[in-house]
């Protein structure tokens, strides 16, 4: 199940077309759409900003992660997403942006509560990353893949909407740094891998883990 498609970043973007509709039709369709989205992600979250972020992944290289969050992962169960004071888990996690967690056979993504008001596009990129972590094992290869996927998703979304990078928010700042590394590496993982290897939090990680045997 933990299968990574190496050419994931080569996927074509799906373009959406906007049509002019009567005002009553827009209201009706929006209401129906909201109900559908709430039902689709009810086992993951009730936060509508997060739901919108997950929907954004459909048309990006993060679609794998969206499906993993819905249940196509190593546990075959939906991943629960929550905003949380991460210091309650461990003081060492207080300043983490997000944390993947496995408890009683279920997967959780805990997002630092300071990001509750983050743009949905930034949350989408973050979720694409965290959904890659589906077991207790980790590696430099896995982190390289996850960070690169996050950078790729943000690059796609921010190129569609350049105004995103003008937003003053700590999660946007994180994504902007990642995008610069991604672009500098000619849209590959080369510079991001250097970033991962130099990260003090990853110093004791093995190079490989199940599903991530090959270097990117």
N, C-alpha and C. Protein backbone atom coordinates (compact mmCIF):
# COMPACT_ATOMS: atom_id res chain seq x y z
N UNK A 1 0.83 -1.20 0.00
CA UNK A 1 0.00 0.00 0.00
C UNK A 1 0.87 1.25 0.00
N UNK A 2 2.01 1.14 0.71
CA UNK A 2 2.87 2.31 0.83
C UNK A 2 3.74 2.41 -0.41
N UNK A 3 3.10 2.62 -1.53
CA UNK A 3 3.78 2.63 -2.81
C UNK A 3 3.93 4.06 -3.29
N UNK A 4 5.14 4.45 -3.62
CA UNK A 4 5.40 5.81 -4.04
C UNK A 4 5.69 5.83 -5.53
N UNK A 5 4.96 6.61 -6.26
CA UNK A 5 5.18 6.73 -7.70
C UNK A 5 6.25 7.78 -7.92
N UNK A 6 7.37 7.39 -8.50
CA UNK A 6 8.52 8.26 -8.57
C UNK A 6 8.32 9.44 -9.50
N UNK A 7 7.46 9.29 -10.48
CA UNK A 7 7.25 10.40 -11.40
C UNK A 7 6.00 11.20 -11.05
N UNK A 8 5.66 11.21 -9.75
CA UNK A 8 4.44 11.87 -9.31
C UNK A 8 4.41 13.35 -9.67
N UNK A 9 5.59 13.98 -9.72
CA UNK A 9 5.64 15.41 -9.97
C UNK A 9 5.45 15.77 -11.43
N UNK A 10 5.28 14.76 -12.28
CA UNK A 10 5.12 15.01 -13.70
C UNK A 10 3.66 15.05 -14.11
N UNK A 11 2.77 14.86 -13.13
CA UNK A 11 1.33 14.83 -13.46
C UNK A 11 0.84 16.17 -13.99
N UNK A 12 -0.08 16.12 -14.90
CA UNK A 12 -0.63 17.35 -15.48
C UNK A 12 -1.63 17.98 -14.54
N UNK A 13 -1.65 19.28 -14.51
CA UNK A 13 -2.62 20.00 -13.69
C UNK A 13 -3.97 20.03 -14.41
N UNK A 14 -5.02 19.88 -13.64
CA UNK A 14 -6.37 19.95 -14.19
C UNK A 14 -6.85 21.39 -14.10
N UNK A 15 -7.28 21.93 -15.21
CA UNK A 15 -7.75 23.32 -15.23
C UNK A 15 -9.25 23.36 -14.99
N UNK A 16 -9.69 24.27 -14.16
CA UNK A 16 -11.12 24.41 -13.90
C UNK A 16 -11.64 25.65 -14.61
N UNK A 17 -12.82 25.54 -15.21
CA UNK A 17 -13.43 26.65 -15.93
C UNK A 17 -14.58 27.23 -15.12
N UNK A 18 -14.67 28.53 -15.10
CA UNK A 18 -15.74 29.21 -14.35
C UNK A 18 -16.85 29.61 -15.31
N UNK A 19 -18.08 29.27 -14.96
CA UNK A 19 -19.23 29.61 -15.79
C UNK A 19 -20.13 30.58 -15.04
N UNK A 20 -20.78 31.42 -15.78
CA UNK A 20 -21.71 32.39 -15.19
C UNK A 20 -23.06 31.74 -14.98
N UNK A 21 -23.54 31.75 -13.73
CA UNK A 21 -24.82 31.14 -13.40
C UNK A 21 -25.72 32.15 -12.71
N UNK A 22 -27.03 31.97 -12.79
CA UNK A 22 -27.93 32.84 -12.03
C UNK A 22 -27.64 32.74 -10.55
N UNK A 23 -27.88 33.80 -9.81
CA UNK A 23 -27.53 33.83 -8.39
C UNK A 23 -28.20 32.73 -7.60
N UNK A 24 -29.46 32.41 -7.91
CA UNK A 24 -30.16 31.37 -7.14
C UNK A 24 -29.50 30.02 -7.36
N UNK A 25 -28.96 29.78 -8.56
CA UNK A 25 -28.31 28.50 -8.87
C UNK A 25 -27.00 28.37 -8.11
N UNK A 26 -26.27 29.48 -7.98
CA UNK A 26 -25.01 29.46 -7.25
C UNK A 26 -25.24 29.09 -5.79
N UNK A 27 -26.25 29.70 -5.17
CA UNK A 27 -26.55 29.42 -3.77
C UNK A 27 -26.93 27.95 -3.59
N UNK A 28 -27.76 27.45 -4.47
CA UNK A 28 -28.21 26.07 -4.38
C UNK A 28 -27.04 25.11 -4.56
N UNK A 29 -26.22 25.35 -5.56
CA UNK A 29 -25.10 24.46 -5.84
C UNK A 29 -24.06 24.50 -4.72
N UNK A 30 -23.83 25.71 -4.16
CA UNK A 30 -22.88 25.83 -3.06
C UNK A 30 -23.35 25.03 -1.86
N UNK A 31 -24.65 25.10 -1.56
CA UNK A 31 -25.20 24.36 -0.43
C UNK A 31 -25.06 22.86 -0.63
N UNK A 32 -25.35 22.41 -1.82
CA UNK A 32 -25.22 20.98 -2.13
C UNK A 32 -23.76 20.55 -2.05
N UNK A 33 -22.88 21.42 -2.54
CA UNK A 33 -21.45 21.10 -2.54
C UNK A 33 -20.92 20.99 -1.11
N UNK A 34 -21.33 21.92 -0.25
CA UNK A 34 -20.89 21.88 1.15
C UNK A 34 -21.36 20.59 1.82
N UNK A 35 -22.60 20.22 1.61
CA UNK A 35 -23.13 18.99 2.20
C UNK A 35 -22.33 17.77 1.73
N UNK A 36 -22.01 17.76 0.45
CA UNK A 36 -21.24 16.64 -0.12
C UNK A 36 -19.85 16.57 0.50
N UNK A 37 -19.21 17.73 0.63
CA UNK A 37 -17.86 17.76 1.21
C UNK A 37 -17.87 17.32 2.67
N UNK A 38 -18.85 17.78 3.42
CA UNK A 38 -18.94 17.40 4.83
C UNK A 38 -19.11 15.89 4.99
N UNK A 39 -19.88 15.28 4.10
CA UNK A 39 -20.08 13.84 4.14
C UNK A 39 -18.81 13.10 3.73
N UNK A 40 -18.13 13.63 2.72
CA UNK A 40 -16.92 12.97 2.20
C UNK A 40 -15.83 12.88 3.26
N UNK A 41 -15.68 13.95 4.04
CA UNK A 41 -14.56 14.02 4.98
C UNK A 41 -14.99 13.94 6.45
N UNK A 42 -16.22 13.48 6.70
CA UNK A 42 -16.74 13.47 8.07
C UNK A 42 -15.91 12.61 9.02
N UNK A 43 -15.23 11.59 8.50
CA UNK A 43 -14.41 10.73 9.36
C UNK A 43 -13.01 11.29 9.55
N UNK A 44 -12.70 12.38 8.84
CA UNK A 44 -11.37 12.99 8.95
C UNK A 44 -11.38 14.24 9.81
N UNK A 45 -12.39 15.10 9.58
CA UNK A 45 -12.42 16.39 10.26
C UNK A 45 -13.78 17.05 10.08
N UNK A 46 -14.09 18.00 10.97
CA UNK A 46 -15.28 18.82 10.78
C UNK A 46 -14.89 20.28 10.56
N UNK A 47 -13.59 20.52 10.40
CA UNK A 47 -13.08 21.87 10.14
C UNK A 47 -13.15 22.14 8.65
N UNK A 48 -13.97 23.13 8.26
CA UNK A 48 -14.22 23.33 6.83
C UNK A 48 -13.00 23.86 6.10
N UNK A 49 -12.13 24.58 6.78
CA UNK A 49 -10.89 25.04 6.14
C UNK A 49 -10.01 23.84 5.76
N UNK A 50 -9.97 22.85 6.64
CA UNK A 50 -9.21 21.63 6.36
C UNK A 50 -9.87 20.85 5.23
N UNK A 51 -11.18 20.79 5.24
CA UNK A 51 -11.91 20.10 4.17
C UNK A 51 -11.60 20.74 2.82
N UNK A 52 -11.60 22.05 2.76
CA UNK A 52 -11.27 22.74 1.52
C UNK A 52 -9.83 22.47 1.10
N UNK A 53 -8.95 22.39 2.08
CA UNK A 53 -7.54 22.08 1.79
C UNK A 53 -7.42 20.69 1.16
N UNK A 54 -8.16 19.73 1.70
CA UNK A 54 -8.13 18.38 1.17
C UNK A 54 -8.67 18.35 -0.26
N UNK A 55 -9.71 19.11 -0.52
CA UNK A 55 -10.27 19.18 -1.87
C UNK A 55 -9.27 19.75 -2.86
N UNK A 56 -8.47 20.70 -2.41
CA UNK A 56 -7.47 21.30 -3.28
C UNK A 56 -6.44 20.28 -3.77
N UNK A 57 -6.21 19.26 -2.97
CA UNK A 57 -5.21 18.25 -3.34
C UNK A 57 -5.63 17.43 -4.56
N UNK A 58 -6.90 17.44 -4.87
CA UNK A 58 -7.40 16.64 -6.00
C UNK A 58 -6.67 16.96 -7.30
N UNK A 59 -6.41 18.22 -7.54
CA UNK A 59 -5.83 18.65 -8.80
C UNK A 59 -4.33 18.93 -8.70
N UNK A 60 -3.69 18.31 -7.72
CA UNK A 60 -2.25 18.49 -7.54
C UNK A 60 -1.57 17.12 -7.42
N UNK A 61 -0.26 17.16 -7.28
CA UNK A 61 0.49 15.93 -7.07
C UNK A 61 0.24 15.34 -5.68
N UNK A 62 -0.55 16.04 -4.86
CA UNK A 62 -0.88 15.56 -3.54
C UNK A 62 -2.12 14.68 -3.48
N UNK A 63 -2.66 14.29 -4.64
CA UNK A 63 -3.86 13.44 -4.65
C UNK A 63 -3.60 12.12 -3.94
N UNK A 64 -2.39 11.59 -4.04
CA UNK A 64 -2.05 10.35 -3.31
C UNK A 64 -2.31 10.54 -1.81
N UNK A 65 -1.88 11.69 -1.30
CA UNK A 65 -2.05 11.97 0.13
C UNK A 65 -3.52 12.12 0.51
N UNK A 66 -4.29 12.75 -0.35
CA UNK A 66 -5.72 12.90 -0.07
C UNK A 66 -6.38 11.54 0.05
N UNK A 67 -6.04 10.64 -0.87
CA UNK A 67 -6.61 9.29 -0.82
C UNK A 67 -6.14 8.54 0.42
N UNK A 68 -4.89 8.77 0.81
CA UNK A 68 -4.37 8.15 2.03
C UNK A 68 -5.15 8.64 3.24
N UNK A 69 -5.46 9.94 3.27
CA UNK A 69 -6.21 10.51 4.38
C UNK A 69 -7.63 9.93 4.43
N UNK A 70 -8.20 9.68 3.28
CA UNK A 70 -9.55 9.09 3.23
C UNK A 70 -9.57 7.63 3.67
N UNK A 71 -8.40 6.97 3.64
CA UNK A 71 -8.36 5.59 4.11
C UNK A 71 -7.48 4.65 3.31
N UNK A 72 -6.97 5.10 2.18
CA UNK A 72 -6.09 4.26 1.37
C UNK A 72 -4.66 4.38 1.89
N UNK A 73 -4.44 3.81 3.07
CA UNK A 73 -3.14 3.86 3.72
C UNK A 73 -2.84 2.53 4.38
N UNK A 74 -1.76 2.43 5.10
CA UNK A 74 -1.34 1.15 5.68
C UNK A 74 -2.33 0.59 6.70
N UNK A 75 -3.14 1.44 7.30
CA UNK A 75 -4.12 0.96 8.28
C UNK A 75 -5.48 0.68 7.65
N UNK A 76 -5.67 1.15 6.43
CA UNK A 76 -6.97 1.05 5.73
C UNK A 76 -8.09 1.78 6.47
N UNK A 77 -7.71 2.75 7.31
CA UNK A 77 -8.69 3.55 8.05
C UNK A 77 -8.46 5.03 7.77
N UNK A 78 -9.52 5.84 7.81
CA UNK A 78 -9.35 7.29 7.60
C UNK A 78 -8.39 7.89 8.63
N UNK A 79 -7.63 8.87 8.20
CA UNK A 79 -6.72 9.59 9.09
C UNK A 79 -7.47 10.76 9.72
N UNK A 80 -7.46 10.84 11.02
CA UNK A 80 -8.13 11.92 11.74
C UNK A 80 -7.20 13.14 11.77
N UNK A 81 -7.75 14.32 11.45
CA UNK A 81 -6.97 15.55 11.42
C UNK A 81 -7.50 16.51 12.49
N UNK A 82 -6.59 17.00 13.34
CA UNK A 82 -7.00 17.90 14.42
C UNK A 82 -5.98 19.02 14.59
N UNK A 83 -6.46 20.21 14.97
CA UNK A 83 -5.57 21.27 15.43
C UNK A 83 -5.34 21.03 16.91
N UNK A 84 -4.07 21.20 17.34
CA UNK A 84 -3.75 20.80 18.70
C UNK A 84 -2.56 21.59 19.24
N UNK A 85 -2.57 21.81 20.54
CA UNK A 85 -1.40 22.33 21.24
C UNK A 85 -0.43 21.15 21.36
N UNK A 86 0.58 21.14 20.51
CA UNK A 86 1.47 19.97 20.43
C UNK A 86 2.33 19.78 21.67
N UNK A 87 2.46 20.82 22.48
CA UNK A 87 3.22 20.67 23.72
C UNK A 87 2.51 19.75 24.70
N UNK A 88 1.19 19.54 24.49
CA UNK A 88 0.44 18.62 25.36
C UNK A 88 0.87 17.17 25.12
N UNK A 89 1.39 16.91 23.94
CA UNK A 89 1.90 15.56 23.64
C UNK A 89 3.30 15.42 24.21
N UNK A 90 4.12 16.41 23.91
CA UNK A 90 5.50 16.44 24.41
C UNK A 90 6.00 17.87 24.22
N UNK A 91 6.63 18.41 25.23
CA UNK A 91 7.12 19.79 25.15
C UNK A 91 8.07 19.98 23.98
N UNK A 92 8.74 18.91 23.60
CA UNK A 92 9.68 18.98 22.47
C UNK A 92 8.98 19.28 21.15
N UNK A 93 7.66 19.03 21.11
CA UNK A 93 6.91 19.24 19.87
C UNK A 93 6.21 20.60 19.82
N UNK A 94 6.44 21.43 20.81
CA UNK A 94 5.69 22.68 20.95
C UNK A 94 5.72 23.55 19.70
N UNK A 95 6.86 23.59 19.03
CA UNK A 95 6.99 24.48 17.88
C UNK A 95 6.91 23.74 16.55
N UNK A 96 6.56 22.47 16.58
CA UNK A 96 6.37 21.74 15.33
C UNK A 96 5.16 22.32 14.59
N UNK A 97 5.21 22.30 13.27
CA UNK A 97 4.06 22.76 12.49
C UNK A 97 2.96 21.70 12.45
N UNK A 98 3.38 20.45 12.44
CA UNK A 98 2.41 19.34 12.42
C UNK A 98 3.12 18.08 12.85
N UNK A 99 2.33 17.08 13.15
CA UNK A 99 2.88 15.83 13.67
C UNK A 99 2.01 14.66 13.22
N UNK A 100 2.63 13.66 12.62
CA UNK A 100 1.92 12.43 12.30
C UNK A 100 1.99 11.50 13.50
N UNK A 101 0.87 10.84 13.83
CA UNK A 101 0.82 10.05 15.05
C UNK A 101 0.03 8.77 14.80
N UNK A 102 0.48 7.68 15.40
CA UNK A 102 -0.27 6.44 15.31
C UNK A 102 -0.61 5.98 16.72
N UNK A 103 -1.90 5.72 16.95
CA UNK A 103 -2.36 5.33 18.28
C UNK A 103 -3.47 4.31 18.14
N UNK A 104 -3.32 3.19 18.83
CA UNK A 104 -4.34 2.13 18.81
C UNK A 104 -4.71 1.73 17.38
N UNK A 105 -3.72 1.65 16.53
CA UNK A 105 -3.94 1.20 15.16
C UNK A 105 -4.56 2.23 14.23
N UNK A 106 -4.69 3.48 14.71
CA UNK A 106 -5.26 4.54 13.89
C UNK A 106 -4.23 5.64 13.68
N UNK A 107 -4.34 6.33 12.53
CA UNK A 107 -3.43 7.41 12.20
C UNK A 107 -4.07 8.76 12.46
N UNK A 108 -3.26 9.68 12.95
CA UNK A 108 -3.71 11.04 13.22
C UNK A 108 -2.72 12.03 12.63
N UNK A 109 -3.23 13.16 12.19
CA UNK A 109 -2.38 14.29 11.83
C UNK A 109 -2.77 15.42 12.77
N UNK A 110 -1.83 15.82 13.62
CA UNK A 110 -2.07 16.92 14.53
C UNK A 110 -1.37 18.16 13.96
N UNK A 111 -2.13 19.21 13.71
CA UNK A 111 -1.58 20.45 13.20
C UNK A 111 -1.49 21.45 14.34
N UNK A 112 -0.36 22.12 14.43
CA UNK A 112 -0.19 23.13 15.47
C UNK A 112 -1.35 24.12 15.42
N UNK A 113 -1.95 24.38 16.58
CA UNK A 113 -3.14 25.21 16.63
C UNK A 113 -2.90 26.64 16.13
N UNK A 114 -1.62 27.05 16.08
CA UNK A 114 -1.32 28.40 15.58
C UNK A 114 -1.61 28.52 14.08
N UNK A 115 -1.80 27.37 13.42
CA UNK A 115 -2.08 27.39 11.98
C UNK A 115 -3.57 27.25 11.66
N UNK A 116 -4.40 27.39 12.64
CA UNK A 116 -5.84 27.21 12.41
C UNK A 116 -6.39 28.22 11.40
N UNK A 117 -5.76 29.39 11.33
CA UNK A 117 -6.21 30.42 10.40
C UNK A 117 -5.34 30.49 9.14
N UNK A 118 -4.55 29.46 8.90
CA UNK A 118 -3.67 29.46 7.73
C UNK A 118 -4.48 29.35 6.44
N UNK A 119 -3.95 29.87 5.33
CA UNK A 119 -4.63 29.70 4.05
C UNK A 119 -4.81 28.22 3.73
N UNK A 120 -5.93 27.88 3.15
CA UNK A 120 -6.21 26.47 2.86
C UNK A 120 -5.16 25.86 1.94
N UNK A 121 -4.55 26.68 1.09
CA UNK A 121 -3.51 26.17 0.18
C UNK A 121 -2.27 25.73 0.96
N UNK A 122 -1.91 26.49 1.99
CA UNK A 122 -0.76 26.12 2.81
C UNK A 122 -1.06 24.86 3.61
N UNK A 123 -2.29 24.76 4.11
CA UNK A 123 -2.70 23.55 4.83
C UNK A 123 -2.69 22.34 3.91
N UNK A 124 -3.09 22.55 2.66
CA UNK A 124 -3.09 21.44 1.69
C UNK A 124 -1.68 20.90 1.50
N UNK A 125 -0.72 21.79 1.35
CA UNK A 125 0.67 21.37 1.17
C UNK A 125 1.18 20.62 2.40
N UNK A 126 0.86 21.15 3.58
CA UNK A 126 1.28 20.51 4.83
C UNK A 126 0.67 19.12 4.97
N UNK A 127 -0.60 18.99 4.65
CA UNK A 127 -1.28 17.69 4.75
C UNK A 127 -0.72 16.69 3.75
N UNK A 128 -0.34 17.16 2.57
CA UNK A 128 0.28 16.27 1.58
C UNK A 128 1.52 15.62 2.17
N UNK A 129 2.28 16.40 2.92
CA UNK A 129 3.50 15.91 3.58
C UNK A 129 3.15 14.89 4.67
N UNK A 130 2.30 15.29 5.60
CA UNK A 130 2.06 14.46 6.78
C UNK A 130 1.39 13.13 6.45
N UNK A 131 0.60 13.08 5.40
CA UNK A 131 -0.09 11.84 5.05
C UNK A 131 0.86 10.77 4.52
N UNK A 132 2.09 11.15 4.21
CA UNK A 132 3.08 10.17 3.75
C UNK A 132 3.52 9.28 4.91
N UNK A 133 3.50 9.82 6.13
CA UNK A 133 3.95 9.07 7.30
C UNK A 133 2.81 8.19 7.82
N UNK A 134 2.93 6.89 7.60
CA UNK A 134 1.82 5.99 7.89
C UNK A 134 2.19 4.85 8.84
N UNK A 135 3.37 4.88 9.41
CA UNK A 135 3.76 3.87 10.39
C UNK A 135 4.77 4.46 11.36
N UNK A 136 5.29 3.61 12.25
CA UNK A 136 6.23 4.10 13.26
C UNK A 136 7.65 4.26 12.72
N UNK A 137 7.88 3.79 11.52
CA UNK A 137 9.22 3.84 10.93
C UNK A 137 9.38 5.09 10.08
N UNK A 138 10.60 5.61 10.08
CA UNK A 138 10.88 6.81 9.29
C UNK A 138 12.31 6.72 8.76
N UNK A 139 12.62 7.56 7.82
CA UNK A 139 13.96 7.54 7.22
C UNK A 139 14.24 8.86 6.52
N UNK A 140 15.49 9.05 6.15
CA UNK A 140 15.86 10.24 5.39
C UNK A 140 15.17 10.24 4.03
N UNK A 141 15.04 9.06 3.44
CA UNK A 141 14.36 8.97 2.15
C UNK A 141 12.89 9.35 2.27
N UNK A 142 12.26 8.87 3.34
CA UNK A 142 10.84 9.17 3.53
C UNK A 142 10.62 10.66 3.77
N UNK A 143 11.46 11.27 4.61
CA UNK A 143 11.33 12.70 4.87
C UNK A 143 11.62 13.51 3.60
N UNK A 144 12.60 13.08 2.84
CA UNK A 144 12.91 13.78 1.58
C UNK A 144 11.70 13.76 0.66
N UNK A 145 11.06 12.59 0.55
CA UNK A 145 9.89 12.48 -0.30
C UNK A 145 8.76 13.38 0.21
N UNK A 146 8.51 13.33 1.52
CA UNK A 146 7.40 14.09 2.10
C UNK A 146 7.60 15.60 1.93
N UNK A 147 8.81 16.08 2.22
CA UNK A 147 9.08 17.51 2.08
C UNK A 147 9.02 17.93 0.62
N UNK A 148 9.50 17.08 -0.28
CA UNK A 148 9.47 17.42 -1.70
C UNK A 148 8.04 17.46 -2.23
N UNK A 149 7.22 16.51 -1.78
CA UNK A 149 5.82 16.51 -2.18
C UNK A 149 5.13 17.78 -1.68
N UNK A 150 5.41 18.16 -0.45
CA UNK A 150 4.84 19.39 0.11
C UNK A 150 5.23 20.60 -0.75
N UNK A 151 6.52 20.66 -1.11
CA UNK A 151 7.01 21.77 -1.93
C UNK A 151 6.34 21.77 -3.30
N UNK A 152 6.15 20.60 -3.88
CA UNK A 152 5.54 20.50 -5.21
C UNK A 152 4.09 20.97 -5.18
N UNK A 153 3.36 20.57 -4.15
CA UNK A 153 1.95 20.98 -4.03
C UNK A 153 1.85 22.49 -3.86
N UNK A 154 2.67 23.04 -2.96
CA UNK A 154 2.62 24.49 -2.76
C UNK A 154 3.03 25.24 -4.03
N UNK A 155 4.01 24.73 -4.74
CA UNK A 155 4.45 25.37 -5.98
C UNK A 155 3.31 25.42 -6.99
N UNK A 156 2.60 24.31 -7.13
CA UNK A 156 1.47 24.28 -8.05
C UNK A 156 0.39 25.29 -7.64
N UNK A 157 0.02 25.27 -6.37
CA UNK A 157 -1.06 26.13 -5.90
C UNK A 157 -0.68 27.61 -5.94
N UNK A 158 0.56 27.92 -5.59
CA UNK A 158 0.99 29.32 -5.56
C UNK A 158 1.23 29.86 -6.96
N UNK A 159 1.58 29.01 -7.91
CA UNK A 159 1.72 29.48 -9.28
C UNK A 159 0.35 29.74 -9.90
N UNK A 160 -0.65 29.00 -9.46
CA UNK A 160 -2.02 29.27 -9.91
C UNK A 160 -2.54 30.57 -9.29
N UNK A 161 -2.06 30.88 -8.08
CA UNK A 161 -2.51 32.07 -7.37
C UNK A 161 -1.31 32.75 -6.69
N UNK A 162 -0.54 33.56 -7.42
CA UNK A 162 0.68 34.20 -6.89
C UNK A 162 0.42 35.06 -5.65
N UNK A 163 -0.81 35.53 -5.47
CA UNK A 163 -1.11 36.38 -4.32
C UNK A 163 -0.92 35.65 -3.00
N UNK A 164 -0.92 34.33 -3.04
CA UNK A 164 -0.76 33.54 -1.81
C UNK A 164 0.55 33.87 -1.10
N UNK A 165 1.59 34.09 -1.87
CA UNK A 165 2.91 34.30 -1.27
C UNK A 165 3.04 35.67 -0.61
N UNK A 166 2.05 36.52 -0.79
CA UNK A 166 2.07 37.84 -0.16
C UNK A 166 1.40 37.79 1.21
N UNK A 167 0.78 36.68 1.55
CA UNK A 167 0.09 36.54 2.83
C UNK A 167 1.10 36.39 3.97
N UNK A 168 0.92 37.17 5.01
CA UNK A 168 1.81 37.09 6.16
C UNK A 168 1.28 36.04 7.13
N UNK A 169 1.89 34.88 7.08
CA UNK A 169 1.50 33.79 7.98
C UNK A 169 2.68 32.83 8.10
N UNK A 170 2.95 32.30 9.30
CA UNK A 170 4.11 31.42 9.48
C UNK A 170 4.09 30.18 8.59
N UNK A 171 2.92 29.64 8.30
CA UNK A 171 2.88 28.45 7.46
C UNK A 171 3.18 28.81 6.00
N UNK A 172 2.78 30.00 5.57
CA UNK A 172 3.11 30.47 4.23
C UNK A 172 4.63 30.68 4.13
N UNK A 173 5.22 31.20 5.18
CA UNK A 173 6.68 31.39 5.20
C UNK A 173 7.40 30.06 5.03
N UNK A 174 6.92 29.05 5.72
CA UNK A 174 7.50 27.70 5.58
C UNK A 174 7.41 27.23 4.13
N UNK A 175 6.24 27.37 3.54
CA UNK A 175 6.03 26.89 2.17
C UNK A 175 6.86 27.67 1.16
N UNK A 176 7.03 28.96 1.40
CA UNK A 176 7.83 29.78 0.50
C UNK A 176 9.29 29.34 0.50
N UNK A 177 9.81 29.00 1.67
CA UNK A 177 11.19 28.50 1.78
C UNK A 177 11.32 27.19 1.01
N UNK A 178 10.37 26.30 1.19
CA UNK A 178 10.40 25.01 0.50
C UNK A 178 10.34 25.19 -1.01
N UNK A 179 9.49 26.09 -1.46
CA UNK A 179 9.37 26.33 -2.90
C UNK A 179 10.69 26.81 -3.48
N UNK A 180 11.38 27.68 -2.77
CA UNK A 180 12.67 28.18 -3.25
C UNK A 180 13.67 27.04 -3.40
N UNK A 181 13.68 26.12 -2.44
CA UNK A 181 14.58 24.97 -2.51
C UNK A 181 14.20 24.07 -3.69
N UNK A 182 12.90 23.88 -3.88
CA UNK A 182 12.39 23.03 -4.95
C UNK A 182 12.76 23.60 -6.32
N UNK A 183 12.54 24.89 -6.48
CA UNK A 183 12.84 25.56 -7.76
C UNK A 183 14.36 25.59 -7.98
N UNK A 184 15.11 25.87 -6.92
CA UNK A 184 16.57 25.92 -7.03
C UNK A 184 17.12 24.57 -7.47
N UNK A 185 16.46 23.50 -7.06
CA UNK A 185 16.87 22.16 -7.44
C UNK A 185 16.27 21.72 -8.76
N UNK A 186 15.80 22.70 -9.56
CA UNK A 186 15.21 22.40 -10.87
C UNK A 186 14.01 21.47 -10.73
N UNK A 187 13.18 21.74 -9.73
CA UNK A 187 11.94 21.00 -9.49
C UNK A 187 12.21 19.51 -9.20
N UNK A 188 13.31 19.28 -8.49
CA UNK A 188 13.64 17.93 -8.02
C UNK A 188 13.88 18.00 -6.51
N UNK A 189 14.21 16.87 -5.92
CA UNK A 189 14.42 16.80 -4.48
C UNK A 189 15.85 17.14 -4.05
N UNK A 190 16.73 17.48 -4.98
CA UNK A 190 18.16 17.59 -4.68
C UNK A 190 18.47 18.54 -3.53
N UNK A 191 17.95 19.74 -3.56
CA UNK A 191 18.25 20.69 -2.49
C UNK A 191 17.44 20.41 -1.23
N UNK A 192 16.27 19.86 -1.39
CA UNK A 192 15.46 19.52 -0.23
C UNK A 192 16.11 18.37 0.54
N UNK A 193 16.71 17.43 -0.18
CA UNK A 193 17.40 16.33 0.51
C UNK A 193 18.54 16.88 1.38
N UNK A 194 19.25 17.86 0.88
CA UNK A 194 20.32 18.47 1.66
C UNK A 194 19.75 19.12 2.92
N UNK A 195 18.61 19.75 2.77
CA UNK A 195 17.91 20.37 3.90
C UNK A 195 17.53 19.31 4.93
N UNK A 196 17.03 18.17 4.48
CA UNK A 196 16.62 17.09 5.38
C UNK A 196 17.83 16.52 6.12
N UNK A 197 18.88 16.25 5.40
CA UNK A 197 20.08 15.65 5.99
C UNK A 197 20.70 16.58 7.04
N UNK A 198 20.60 17.89 6.81
CA UNK A 198 21.20 18.85 7.74
C UNK A 198 20.29 19.15 8.94
N UNK A 199 19.04 18.69 8.90
CA UNK A 199 18.10 18.95 9.99
C UNK A 199 18.49 18.14 11.23
N UNK A 200 18.70 18.83 12.34
CA UNK A 200 19.14 18.16 13.56
C UNK A 200 18.14 17.13 14.05
N UNK A 201 16.87 17.35 13.77
CA UNK A 201 15.85 16.42 14.21
C UNK A 201 15.88 15.09 13.48
N UNK A 202 16.61 15.03 12.37
CA UNK A 202 16.67 13.81 11.57
C UNK A 202 18.03 13.12 11.64
N UNK A 203 18.90 13.58 12.53
CA UNK A 203 20.27 13.07 12.56
C UNK A 203 20.37 11.57 12.83
N UNK A 204 19.42 11.03 13.57
CA UNK A 204 19.49 9.60 13.92
C UNK A 204 18.63 8.71 13.03
N UNK A 205 18.06 9.28 11.99
CA UNK A 205 17.22 8.49 11.09
C UNK A 205 18.07 7.62 10.17
N UNK A 206 17.60 6.40 9.89
CA UNK A 206 18.29 5.58 8.89
C UNK A 206 18.04 6.16 7.50
N UNK A 207 18.81 5.73 6.55
CA UNK A 207 18.61 6.26 5.19
C UNK A 207 17.34 5.74 4.56
N UNK A 208 16.98 4.49 4.89
CA UNK A 208 15.83 3.84 4.24
C UNK A 208 14.79 3.38 5.27
N UNK A 209 13.56 3.26 4.80
CA UNK A 209 12.47 2.67 5.58
C UNK A 209 11.55 1.96 4.59
N UNK A 210 10.65 1.08 5.07
CA UNK A 210 9.77 0.33 4.16
C UNK A 210 8.99 1.27 3.22
N UNK A 211 9.10 0.99 1.93
CA UNK A 211 8.44 1.82 0.92
C UNK A 211 9.31 2.93 0.39
N UNK A 212 10.43 3.16 1.08
CA UNK A 212 11.34 4.24 0.69
C UNK A 212 12.78 3.72 0.65
N UNK A 213 12.96 2.61 -0.05
CA UNK A 213 14.26 1.98 -0.11
C UNK A 213 15.23 2.73 -1.04
N UNK A 214 14.67 3.44 -2.03
CA UNK A 214 15.52 4.11 -3.02
C UNK A 214 15.68 5.59 -2.69
N UNK A 215 16.87 6.10 -2.89
CA UNK A 215 17.11 7.53 -2.70
C UNK A 215 16.43 8.33 -3.80
N UNK A 216 15.90 9.49 -3.44
CA UNK A 216 15.31 10.37 -4.44
C UNK A 216 16.40 11.25 -5.04
